[in-house]
Amino acid sequence: MAIPTLLKQYREEIVPALKEKLGRTNVHSLPQIEKVVISMGIGAANQDRKRLTEAADHMTLLAGQKSQITRARQSVAGFKLREGQEIGCRVTLRGNRMYEFLERLISLALPRVRDFRGINPKAFDGKGNYSLGLNESLVFLEIDPDSVKNTQGMNITIVTSASNNEEGLLLLKELGMPFRK
C-alpha cells in the first residue's frame, strides 16, 4: 500500500518546521493528527428510513470504510424521538485513510464550497481539536450528484495530539488547511 502524499509531506517537511517553530527536539512531543471523525445527523430519519441509508452509503463511499449507524441516547418528545432510534451515521478514520481523506478535503472539497473564503480559525475546542461543518456532501467528487435525492450536510472533527489551540492551529496550517485571514 502506498504512503499518502500528505503523510509523506508531514514526515519530511512539517515535522522539521514544527520542531523549529515550537523549539522542541523530540519528534513524539510534536502535535500530530490522531483521527478524523465524520458524522451526519439525519433529522428526517424517523419519518423516512431511505434518507438514513442514502446518507450512510454516501459516507461509506467518501470515507473508504463502512459507516456506523448512530442511535438516540435519550428520548426527546419535542423532536418525536425515542431512545434507541436510528438518527445518523459516522465514520472514524485513522492511519492512511485519514491522511487520504484530509488530502481530498483540503485540495478538492473545500475549494468547491460555494462562496468559500477559508475556514474559521476559531473553531477549536480548547484542547487542539478542530471541527468544521459542510452544508452538503456534494463537494466531494466521489459522490455522484445524480444519485443524491436529498442533500445532506456533515460534521468533520479533526482530533490532534496538540495540548492547546495554538499548537493545533499551527499543525493544521502546516498541513495546508485554508484558514480565513
N, C-alpha and C. Protein backbone atom coordinates (compact mmCIF):
# COMPACT_ATOMS: atom_id res chain seq x y z
N MET A 1 0.85 -1.18 0.00
CA MET A 1 0.00 0.00 0.00
C MET A 1 0.89 1.25 0.00
N ALA A 2 0.58 2.17 -0.86
CA ALA A 2 1.39 3.38 -1.00
C ALA A 2 1.13 4.35 0.16
N ILE A 3 2.15 5.07 0.52
CA ILE A 3 2.04 6.07 1.59
C ILE A 3 1.35 7.30 1.01
N PRO A 4 0.30 7.82 1.69
CA PRO A 4 -0.38 9.03 1.20
C PRO A 4 0.58 10.22 1.12
N THR A 5 0.36 11.08 0.15
CA THR A 5 1.22 12.24 -0.08
C THR A 5 1.26 13.15 1.14
N LEU A 6 0.12 13.37 1.79
CA LEU A 6 0.06 14.24 2.95
C LEU A 6 0.87 13.69 4.12
N LEU A 7 0.86 12.37 4.29
CA LEU A 7 1.65 11.73 5.36
C LEU A 7 3.14 11.88 5.07
N LYS A 8 3.51 11.69 3.82
CA LYS A 8 4.91 11.86 3.42
C LYS A 8 5.35 13.31 3.65
N GLN A 9 4.48 14.25 3.29
CA GLN A 9 4.76 15.68 3.49
C GLN A 9 4.89 15.98 4.99
N TYR A 10 4.03 15.37 5.80
CA TYR A 10 4.09 15.59 7.25
C TYR A 10 5.44 15.14 7.79
N ARG A 11 5.87 13.94 7.39
CA ARG A 11 7.12 13.38 7.91
C ARG A 11 8.35 14.14 7.43
N GLU A 12 8.35 14.57 6.17
CA GLU A 12 9.55 15.16 5.58
C GLU A 12 9.64 16.68 5.75
N GLU A 13 8.50 17.39 5.70
CA GLU A 13 8.55 18.85 5.72
C GLU A 13 7.95 19.46 6.98
N ILE A 14 6.81 18.93 7.43
CA ILE A 14 6.08 19.56 8.52
C ILE A 14 6.73 19.30 9.87
N VAL A 15 7.23 18.07 10.09
CA VAL A 15 7.88 17.76 11.37
C VAL A 15 9.09 18.68 11.62
N PRO A 16 10.02 18.86 10.64
CA PRO A 16 11.12 19.81 10.89
C PRO A 16 10.64 21.25 11.13
N ALA A 17 9.60 21.67 10.41
CA ALA A 17 9.07 23.02 10.60
C ALA A 17 8.46 23.18 11.99
N LEU A 18 7.73 22.16 12.46
CA LEU A 18 7.13 22.21 13.80
C LEU A 18 8.22 22.20 14.88
N LYS A 19 9.29 21.42 14.66
CA LYS A 19 10.41 21.38 15.61
C LYS A 19 10.99 22.78 15.78
N GLU A 20 11.18 23.45 14.65
CA GLU A 20 11.77 24.79 14.68
C GLU A 20 10.83 25.79 15.34
N LYS A 21 9.55 25.78 14.95
CA LYS A 21 8.61 26.79 15.45
C LYS A 21 8.26 26.59 16.92
N LEU A 22 8.21 25.32 17.37
CA LEU A 22 7.85 25.05 18.76
C LEU A 22 9.07 24.91 19.67
N GLY A 23 10.26 24.87 19.05
CA GLY A 23 11.50 24.78 19.82
C GLY A 23 11.67 23.46 20.55
N ARG A 24 11.26 22.37 19.94
CA ARG A 24 11.37 21.05 20.56
C ARG A 24 12.28 20.17 19.71
N THR A 25 12.93 19.21 20.35
CA THR A 25 13.78 18.28 19.60
C THR A 25 13.14 16.90 19.50
N ASN A 26 12.29 16.54 20.47
CA ASN A 26 11.65 15.23 20.47
C ASN A 26 10.48 15.21 19.48
N VAL A 27 10.55 14.30 18.51
CA VAL A 27 9.51 14.20 17.48
C VAL A 27 8.17 13.80 18.09
N HIS A 28 8.20 12.99 19.15
CA HIS A 28 6.96 12.49 19.74
C HIS A 28 6.22 13.54 20.56
N SER A 29 6.89 14.64 20.88
CA SER A 29 6.21 15.72 21.62
C SER A 29 5.52 16.70 20.68
N LEU A 30 5.74 16.55 19.38
CA LEU A 30 5.12 17.44 18.39
C LEU A 30 3.66 17.04 18.18
N PRO A 31 2.80 18.02 17.88
CA PRO A 31 1.39 17.66 17.62
C PRO A 31 1.25 16.88 16.31
N GLN A 32 0.33 15.93 16.32
CA GLN A 32 0.03 15.18 15.11
C GLN A 32 -1.46 14.85 15.10
N ILE A 33 -1.95 14.45 13.95
CA ILE A 33 -3.37 14.13 13.84
C ILE A 33 -3.58 12.69 14.29
N GLU A 34 -4.51 12.49 15.22
CA GLU A 34 -4.78 11.15 15.73
C GLU A 34 -5.90 10.46 14.96
N LYS A 35 -6.98 11.21 14.69
CA LYS A 35 -8.10 10.62 13.95
C LYS A 35 -8.97 11.72 13.37
N VAL A 36 -9.80 11.33 12.40
CA VAL A 36 -10.78 12.24 11.81
C VAL A 36 -12.13 11.54 11.93
N VAL A 37 -13.11 12.25 12.52
CA VAL A 37 -14.45 11.69 12.69
C VAL A 37 -15.40 12.47 11.79
N ILE A 38 -16.08 11.76 10.90
CA ILE A 38 -17.07 12.36 10.01
C ILE A 38 -18.43 11.88 10.49
N SER A 39 -19.36 12.81 10.70
CA SER A 39 -20.67 12.41 11.18
C SER A 39 -21.77 13.17 10.46
N MET A 40 -22.91 12.52 10.35
CA MET A 40 -24.10 13.13 9.75
C MET A 40 -25.28 12.84 10.68
N GLY A 41 -26.01 13.88 11.02
CA GLY A 41 -27.24 13.71 11.77
C GLY A 41 -28.39 13.89 10.79
N ILE A 42 -29.21 12.87 10.66
CA ILE A 42 -30.32 12.93 9.71
C ILE A 42 -31.60 13.14 10.50
N GLY A 43 -32.08 14.38 10.51
CA GLY A 43 -33.26 14.72 11.30
C GLY A 43 -34.52 14.02 10.82
N ALA A 44 -34.63 13.80 9.51
CA ALA A 44 -35.83 13.18 8.95
C ALA A 44 -35.74 11.65 8.92
N ALA A 45 -34.75 11.09 9.61
CA ALA A 45 -34.56 9.63 9.57
C ALA A 45 -35.72 8.88 10.23
N ASN A 46 -36.41 9.51 11.19
CA ASN A 46 -37.51 8.79 11.84
C ASN A 46 -38.75 8.72 10.95
N GLN A 47 -38.89 9.63 9.98
CA GLN A 47 -40.01 9.52 9.04
C GLN A 47 -39.63 8.69 7.81
N ASP A 48 -38.40 8.85 7.33
CA ASP A 48 -38.01 8.21 6.07
C ASP A 48 -36.69 7.47 6.25
N ARG A 49 -36.75 6.16 6.33
CA ARG A 49 -35.58 5.30 6.53
C ARG A 49 -34.61 5.38 5.35
N LYS A 50 -35.13 5.66 4.16
CA LYS A 50 -34.28 5.71 2.95
C LYS A 50 -33.25 6.84 3.03
N ARG A 51 -33.60 7.92 3.70
CA ARG A 51 -32.65 9.04 3.85
C ARG A 51 -31.42 8.60 4.65
N LEU A 52 -31.65 7.82 5.68
CA LEU A 52 -30.55 7.33 6.51
C LEU A 52 -29.66 6.38 5.72
N THR A 53 -30.25 5.46 4.98
CA THR A 53 -29.44 4.52 4.19
C THR A 53 -28.68 5.25 3.10
N GLU A 54 -29.31 6.25 2.46
CA GLU A 54 -28.64 7.01 1.42
C GLU A 54 -27.43 7.76 2.00
N ALA A 55 -27.62 8.42 3.14
CA ALA A 55 -26.53 9.16 3.78
C ALA A 55 -25.40 8.22 4.22
N ALA A 56 -25.76 7.06 4.76
CA ALA A 56 -24.74 6.09 5.19
C ALA A 56 -23.96 5.56 3.99
N ASP A 57 -24.65 5.32 2.87
CA ASP A 57 -23.97 4.85 1.66
C ASP A 57 -23.01 5.90 1.12
N HIS A 58 -23.44 7.17 1.11
CA HIS A 58 -22.57 8.24 0.63
C HIS A 58 -21.35 8.41 1.54
N MET A 59 -21.56 8.30 2.84
CA MET A 59 -20.44 8.42 3.77
C MET A 59 -19.46 7.27 3.60
N THR A 60 -19.98 6.06 3.41
CA THR A 60 -19.12 4.90 3.17
C THR A 60 -18.30 5.11 1.91
N LEU A 61 -18.92 5.69 0.90
CA LEU A 61 -18.23 5.94 -0.37
C LEU A 61 -17.10 6.94 -0.22
N LEU A 62 -17.33 8.04 0.50
CA LEU A 62 -16.28 9.04 0.58
C LEU A 62 -15.23 8.74 1.64
N ALA A 63 -15.55 7.91 2.63
CA ALA A 63 -14.57 7.59 3.68
C ALA A 63 -13.71 6.38 3.32
N GLY A 64 -14.23 5.49 2.48
CA GLY A 64 -13.47 4.30 2.14
C GLY A 64 -13.63 3.18 3.14
N GLN A 65 -14.53 3.34 4.10
CA GLN A 65 -14.85 2.27 5.04
C GLN A 65 -16.31 2.41 5.46
N LYS A 66 -16.88 1.28 5.93
CA LYS A 66 -18.31 1.27 6.23
C LYS A 66 -18.66 2.22 7.36
N SER A 67 -19.75 2.95 7.17
CA SER A 67 -20.18 3.89 8.21
C SER A 67 -21.00 3.16 9.27
N GLN A 68 -21.01 3.73 10.45
CA GLN A 68 -21.71 3.15 11.59
C GLN A 68 -22.99 3.96 11.83
N ILE A 69 -24.11 3.29 11.99
CA ILE A 69 -25.38 3.95 12.28
C ILE A 69 -25.40 4.34 13.75
N THR A 70 -25.76 5.60 14.02
CA THR A 70 -25.82 6.06 15.41
C THR A 70 -27.27 6.10 15.87
N ARG A 71 -27.46 5.88 17.16
CA ARG A 71 -28.80 5.83 17.73
C ARG A 71 -28.97 6.93 18.78
N ALA A 72 -30.22 7.32 19.02
CA ALA A 72 -30.52 8.34 20.02
C ALA A 72 -30.23 7.80 21.42
N ARG A 73 -29.58 8.60 22.25
CA ARG A 73 -29.25 8.17 23.61
C ARG A 73 -30.42 8.34 24.56
N GLN A 74 -31.27 9.33 24.26
CA GLN A 74 -32.42 9.56 25.13
C GLN A 74 -33.61 10.03 24.31
N SER A 75 -34.77 9.90 24.88
CA SER A 75 -36.00 10.31 24.20
C SER A 75 -36.21 11.81 24.36
N VAL A 76 -36.66 12.47 23.26
CA VAL A 76 -37.00 13.89 23.30
C VAL A 76 -38.36 14.03 22.63
N ALA A 77 -39.38 14.33 23.43
CA ALA A 77 -40.75 14.37 22.92
C ALA A 77 -40.93 15.48 21.88
N GLY A 78 -40.27 16.60 22.07
CA GLY A 78 -40.39 17.73 21.14
C GLY A 78 -39.93 17.40 19.73
N PHE A 79 -38.97 16.48 19.61
CA PHE A 79 -38.47 16.08 18.29
C PHE A 79 -39.07 14.75 17.82
N LYS A 80 -40.04 14.22 18.58
CA LYS A 80 -40.64 12.91 18.29
C LYS A 80 -39.56 11.85 18.17
N LEU A 81 -38.67 11.84 19.16
CA LEU A 81 -37.51 10.97 19.14
C LEU A 81 -37.55 10.02 20.33
N ARG A 82 -37.34 8.73 20.05
CA ARG A 82 -37.32 7.73 21.11
C ARG A 82 -35.90 7.23 21.32
N GLU A 83 -35.61 6.83 22.52
CA GLU A 83 -34.29 6.28 22.84
C GLU A 83 -34.04 5.02 22.00
N GLY A 84 -32.85 4.92 21.41
CA GLY A 84 -32.50 3.77 20.60
C GLY A 84 -32.87 3.90 19.13
N GLN A 85 -33.55 4.97 18.77
CA GLN A 85 -33.96 5.18 17.38
C GLN A 85 -32.75 5.60 16.54
N GLU A 86 -32.66 5.08 15.32
CA GLU A 86 -31.55 5.41 14.43
C GLU A 86 -31.70 6.83 13.91
N ILE A 87 -30.67 7.68 14.14
CA ILE A 87 -30.79 9.10 13.79
C ILE A 87 -29.63 9.65 12.97
N GLY A 88 -28.60 8.86 12.71
CA GLY A 88 -27.46 9.39 11.98
C GLY A 88 -26.44 8.32 11.68
N CYS A 89 -25.29 8.76 11.18
CA CYS A 89 -24.20 7.84 10.90
C CYS A 89 -22.87 8.55 11.08
N ARG A 90 -21.82 7.75 11.28
CA ARG A 90 -20.50 8.32 11.48
C ARG A 90 -19.42 7.34 11.04
N VAL A 91 -18.23 7.89 10.81
CA VAL A 91 -17.06 7.10 10.45
C VAL A 91 -15.87 7.69 11.19
N THR A 92 -15.02 6.84 11.75
CA THR A 92 -13.78 7.29 12.37
C THR A 92 -12.63 6.80 11.51
N LEU A 93 -11.83 7.73 11.00
CA LEU A 93 -10.71 7.39 10.13
C LEU A 93 -9.39 7.54 10.88
N ARG A 94 -8.52 6.56 10.71
CA ARG A 94 -7.18 6.61 11.28
C ARG A 94 -6.19 6.15 10.22
N GLY A 95 -4.92 6.44 10.45
CA GLY A 95 -3.86 5.93 9.57
C GLY A 95 -3.91 6.50 8.17
N ASN A 96 -3.62 5.65 7.18
CA ASN A 96 -3.53 6.10 5.79
C ASN A 96 -4.85 6.66 5.26
N ARG A 97 -5.97 6.03 5.62
CA ARG A 97 -7.29 6.52 5.15
C ARG A 97 -7.56 7.93 5.65
N MET A 98 -7.12 8.21 6.87
CA MET A 98 -7.31 9.54 7.45
C MET A 98 -6.54 10.58 6.64
N TYR A 99 -5.27 10.29 6.31
CA TYR A 99 -4.47 11.24 5.55
C TYR A 99 -5.00 11.40 4.13
N GLU A 100 -5.48 10.31 3.52
CA GLU A 100 -6.05 10.41 2.17
C GLU A 100 -7.31 11.26 2.18
N PHE A 101 -8.16 11.07 3.20
CA PHE A 101 -9.37 11.88 3.30
C PHE A 101 -9.04 13.35 3.50
N LEU A 102 -8.10 13.65 4.40
CA LEU A 102 -7.71 15.04 4.66
C LEU A 102 -7.15 15.70 3.40
N GLU A 103 -6.37 14.94 2.64
CA GLU A 103 -5.81 15.48 1.40
C GLU A 103 -6.92 15.85 0.41
N ARG A 104 -7.92 14.96 0.29
CA ARG A 104 -9.06 15.25 -0.60
C ARG A 104 -9.89 16.42 -0.07
N LEU A 105 -10.04 16.51 1.25
CA LEU A 105 -10.80 17.61 1.85
C LEU A 105 -10.12 18.95 1.58
N ILE A 106 -8.81 19.01 1.82
CA ILE A 106 -8.07 20.27 1.70
C ILE A 106 -7.93 20.71 0.25
N SER A 107 -7.56 19.79 -0.64
CA SER A 107 -7.24 20.19 -2.01
C SER A 107 -8.43 20.16 -2.96
N LEU A 108 -9.43 19.32 -2.72
CA LEU A 108 -10.53 19.19 -3.68
C LEU A 108 -11.88 19.68 -3.14
N ALA A 109 -12.26 19.25 -1.95
CA ALA A 109 -13.62 19.52 -1.47
C ALA A 109 -13.82 20.96 -1.00
N LEU A 110 -12.94 21.45 -0.13
CA LEU A 110 -13.13 22.81 0.40
C LEU A 110 -13.13 23.89 -0.68
N PRO A 111 -12.23 23.83 -1.68
CA PRO A 111 -12.31 24.85 -2.74
C PRO A 111 -13.62 24.81 -3.55
N ARG A 112 -14.33 23.69 -3.52
CA ARG A 112 -15.58 23.57 -4.27
C ARG A 112 -16.79 24.12 -3.51
N VAL A 113 -16.60 24.48 -2.23
CA VAL A 113 -17.69 25.04 -1.44
C VAL A 113 -18.06 26.41 -2.01
N ARG A 114 -19.35 26.64 -2.16
CA ARG A 114 -19.82 27.89 -2.72
C ARG A 114 -19.44 29.08 -1.83
N ASP A 115 -18.95 30.17 -2.41
CA ASP A 115 -18.54 31.38 -1.70
C ASP A 115 -17.52 31.08 -0.60
N PHE A 116 -16.54 30.25 -0.89
CA PHE A 116 -15.55 29.83 0.10
C PHE A 116 -14.47 30.90 0.27
N ARG A 117 -14.29 31.35 1.51
CA ARG A 117 -13.27 32.36 1.81
C ARG A 117 -12.29 31.85 2.85
N GLY A 118 -12.32 30.57 3.13
CA GLY A 118 -11.47 29.98 4.16
C GLY A 118 -12.30 29.50 5.33
N ILE A 119 -11.70 28.60 6.11
CA ILE A 119 -12.43 28.07 7.27
C ILE A 119 -12.10 28.89 8.50
N ASN A 120 -12.99 28.87 9.47
CA ASN A 120 -12.88 29.68 10.68
C ASN A 120 -11.73 29.18 11.56
N PRO A 121 -10.75 30.04 11.85
CA PRO A 121 -9.64 29.62 12.70
C PRO A 121 -9.98 29.53 14.19
N LYS A 122 -11.22 29.86 14.56
CA LYS A 122 -11.61 29.85 15.97
C LYS A 122 -12.45 28.63 16.36
N ALA A 123 -12.55 27.64 15.48
CA ALA A 123 -13.42 26.50 15.76
C ALA A 123 -12.69 25.37 16.48
N PHE A 124 -11.74 25.73 17.34
CA PHE A 124 -11.04 24.74 18.14
C PHE A 124 -11.76 24.56 19.47
N ASP A 125 -11.53 23.42 20.13
CA ASP A 125 -12.28 23.11 21.36
C ASP A 125 -11.53 23.43 22.65
N GLY A 126 -10.32 24.00 22.55
CA GLY A 126 -9.55 24.31 23.74
C GLY A 126 -8.44 23.31 23.98
N LYS A 127 -8.53 22.14 23.34
CA LYS A 127 -7.51 21.10 23.50
C LYS A 127 -6.82 20.78 22.18
N GLY A 128 -6.99 21.66 21.19
CA GLY A 128 -6.29 21.47 19.92
C GLY A 128 -7.06 20.68 18.87
N ASN A 129 -8.30 20.31 19.15
CA ASN A 129 -9.12 19.57 18.18
C ASN A 129 -9.95 20.56 17.38
N TYR A 130 -10.13 20.30 16.08
CA TYR A 130 -10.81 21.23 15.20
C TYR A 130 -12.07 20.59 14.62
N SER A 131 -13.17 21.35 14.56
CA SER A 131 -14.42 20.87 13.97
C SER A 131 -14.89 21.83 12.91
N LEU A 132 -15.39 21.27 11.81
CA LEU A 132 -15.99 22.11 10.77
C LEU A 132 -17.21 21.40 10.21
N GLY A 133 -18.13 22.18 9.70
CA GLY A 133 -19.34 21.63 9.13
C GLY A 133 -19.44 21.99 7.66
N LEU A 134 -19.92 21.05 6.86
CA LEU A 134 -20.19 21.30 5.45
C LEU A 134 -21.69 21.20 5.23
N ASN A 135 -22.25 22.13 4.46
CA ASN A 135 -23.70 22.14 4.24
C ASN A 135 -24.16 21.04 3.30
N GLU A 136 -23.29 20.58 2.43
CA GLU A 136 -23.68 19.48 1.55
C GLU A 136 -22.49 18.60 1.24
N SER A 137 -22.75 17.32 1.09
CA SER A 137 -21.68 16.36 0.83
C SER A 137 -21.31 16.29 -0.64
N LEU A 138 -22.01 17.06 -1.47
CA LEU A 138 -21.75 17.03 -2.92
C LEU A 138 -20.43 17.68 -3.30
N VAL A 139 -19.75 18.37 -2.36
CA VAL A 139 -18.45 18.97 -2.67
C VAL A 139 -17.38 17.90 -2.87
N PHE A 140 -17.64 16.68 -2.42
CA PHE A 140 -16.71 15.58 -2.65
C PHE A 140 -16.98 14.96 -4.01
N LEU A 141 -15.91 14.72 -4.75
CA LEU A 141 -16.04 14.20 -6.12
C LEU A 141 -16.54 12.76 -6.16
N GLU A 142 -16.37 12.01 -5.07
CA GLU A 142 -16.80 10.61 -5.05
C GLU A 142 -18.31 10.46 -5.14
N ILE A 143 -19.03 11.45 -4.69
CA ILE A 143 -20.49 11.36 -4.66
C ILE A 143 -21.06 11.89 -5.97
N ASP A 144 -21.79 11.03 -6.66
CA ASP A 144 -22.41 11.38 -7.93
C ASP A 144 -23.66 12.22 -7.66
N PRO A 145 -23.70 13.47 -8.18
CA PRO A 145 -24.86 14.34 -7.91
C PRO A 145 -26.19 13.76 -8.39
N ASP A 146 -26.17 12.92 -9.42
CA ASP A 146 -27.40 12.33 -9.93
C ASP A 146 -27.98 11.29 -8.98
N SER A 147 -27.13 10.69 -8.13
CA SER A 147 -27.62 9.65 -7.22
C SER A 147 -28.16 10.24 -5.91
N VAL A 148 -28.01 11.55 -5.72
CA VAL A 148 -28.45 12.19 -4.47
C VAL A 148 -29.89 12.67 -4.60
N LYS A 149 -30.75 12.14 -3.72
CA LYS A 149 -32.15 12.59 -3.70
C LYS A 149 -32.33 13.71 -2.68
N ASN A 150 -31.63 13.61 -1.57
CA ASN A 150 -31.71 14.61 -0.51
C ASN A 150 -30.31 15.09 -0.16
N THR A 151 -30.06 16.40 -0.27
CA THR A 151 -28.74 16.89 0.09
C THR A 151 -28.58 16.82 1.61
N GLN A 152 -27.39 16.47 2.03
CA GLN A 152 -27.13 16.22 3.43
C GLN A 152 -25.82 16.87 3.85
N GLY A 153 -25.82 17.56 4.96
CA GLY A 153 -24.61 18.17 5.49
C GLY A 153 -23.84 17.18 6.35
N MET A 154 -22.65 17.58 6.77
CA MET A 154 -21.84 16.69 7.60
C MET A 154 -20.93 17.51 8.52
N ASN A 155 -20.53 16.89 9.61
CA ASN A 155 -19.58 17.49 10.53
C ASN A 155 -18.29 16.70 10.44
N ILE A 156 -17.16 17.41 10.42
CA ILE A 156 -15.85 16.77 10.37
C ILE A 156 -15.05 17.26 11.56
N THR A 157 -14.59 16.34 12.39
CA THR A 157 -13.79 16.69 13.56
C THR A 157 -12.40 16.10 13.38
N ILE A 158 -11.39 16.96 13.48
CA ILE A 158 -10.00 16.53 13.37
C ILE A 158 -9.42 16.52 14.77
N VAL A 159 -9.12 15.32 15.28
CA VAL A 159 -8.60 15.17 16.64
C VAL A 159 -7.08 15.13 16.56
N THR A 160 -6.43 16.04 17.28
CA THR A 160 -4.97 16.12 17.26
C THR A 160 -4.41 15.80 18.64
N SER A 161 -3.11 15.58 18.70
CA SER A 161 -2.44 15.34 19.97
C SER A 161 -1.92 16.65 20.57
N ALA A 162 -2.30 17.78 19.97
CA ALA A 162 -1.86 19.09 20.45
C ALA A 162 -2.44 19.35 21.84
N SER A 163 -1.67 20.05 22.67
CA SER A 163 -2.12 20.31 24.03
C SER A 163 -2.97 21.57 24.14
N ASN A 164 -2.89 22.45 23.12
CA ASN A 164 -3.71 23.66 23.14
C ASN A 164 -4.09 24.08 21.71
N ASN A 165 -4.92 25.10 21.60
CA ASN A 165 -5.42 25.54 20.30
C ASN A 165 -4.32 26.08 19.39
N GLU A 166 -3.33 26.76 19.97
CA GLU A 166 -2.27 27.36 19.16
C GLU A 166 -1.47 26.29 18.43
N GLU A 167 -1.13 25.20 19.15
CA GLU A 167 -0.39 24.10 18.52
C GLU A 167 -1.24 23.42 17.45
N GLY A 168 -2.53 23.24 17.74
CA GLY A 168 -3.44 22.62 16.76
C GLY A 168 -3.56 23.47 15.51
N LEU A 169 -3.68 24.79 15.69
CA LEU A 169 -3.77 25.71 14.55
C LEU A 169 -2.48 25.68 13.74
N LEU A 170 -1.34 25.66 14.40
CA LEU A 170 -0.05 25.61 13.72
C LEU A 170 0.06 24.32 12.89
N LEU A 171 -0.34 23.19 13.48
CA LEU A 171 -0.29 21.91 12.77
C LEU A 171 -1.17 21.93 11.53
N LEU A 172 -2.41 22.39 11.67
CA LEU A 172 -3.33 22.39 10.54
C LEU A 172 -2.91 23.39 9.46
N LYS A 173 -2.33 24.52 9.87
CA LYS A 173 -1.81 25.48 8.88
C LYS A 173 -0.68 24.85 8.08
N GLU A 174 0.22 24.14 8.77
CA GLU A 174 1.33 23.47 8.10
C GLU A 174 0.83 22.39 7.13
N LEU A 175 -0.27 21.73 7.50
CA LEU A 175 -0.85 20.70 6.62
C LEU A 175 -1.52 21.30 5.40
N GLY A 176 -1.78 22.62 5.42
CA GLY A 176 -2.37 23.28 4.26
C GLY A 176 -3.84 23.60 4.39
N MET A 177 -4.39 23.55 5.59
CA MET A 177 -5.80 23.91 5.77
C MET A 177 -5.99 25.38 5.43
N PRO A 178 -6.97 25.72 4.60
CA PRO A 178 -7.16 27.11 4.16
C PRO A 178 -7.94 27.92 5.20
N PHE A 179 -7.24 28.48 6.18
CA PHE A 179 -7.90 29.29 7.21
C PHE A 179 -8.18 30.69 6.69
N ARG A 180 -9.27 31.26 7.20
CA ARG A 180 -9.65 32.63 6.88
C ARG A 180 -8.64 33.59 7.48
N LYS A 181 -8.39 34.67 6.80
CA LYS A 181 -7.42 35.67 7.30
C LYS A 181 -8.03 36.50 8.40
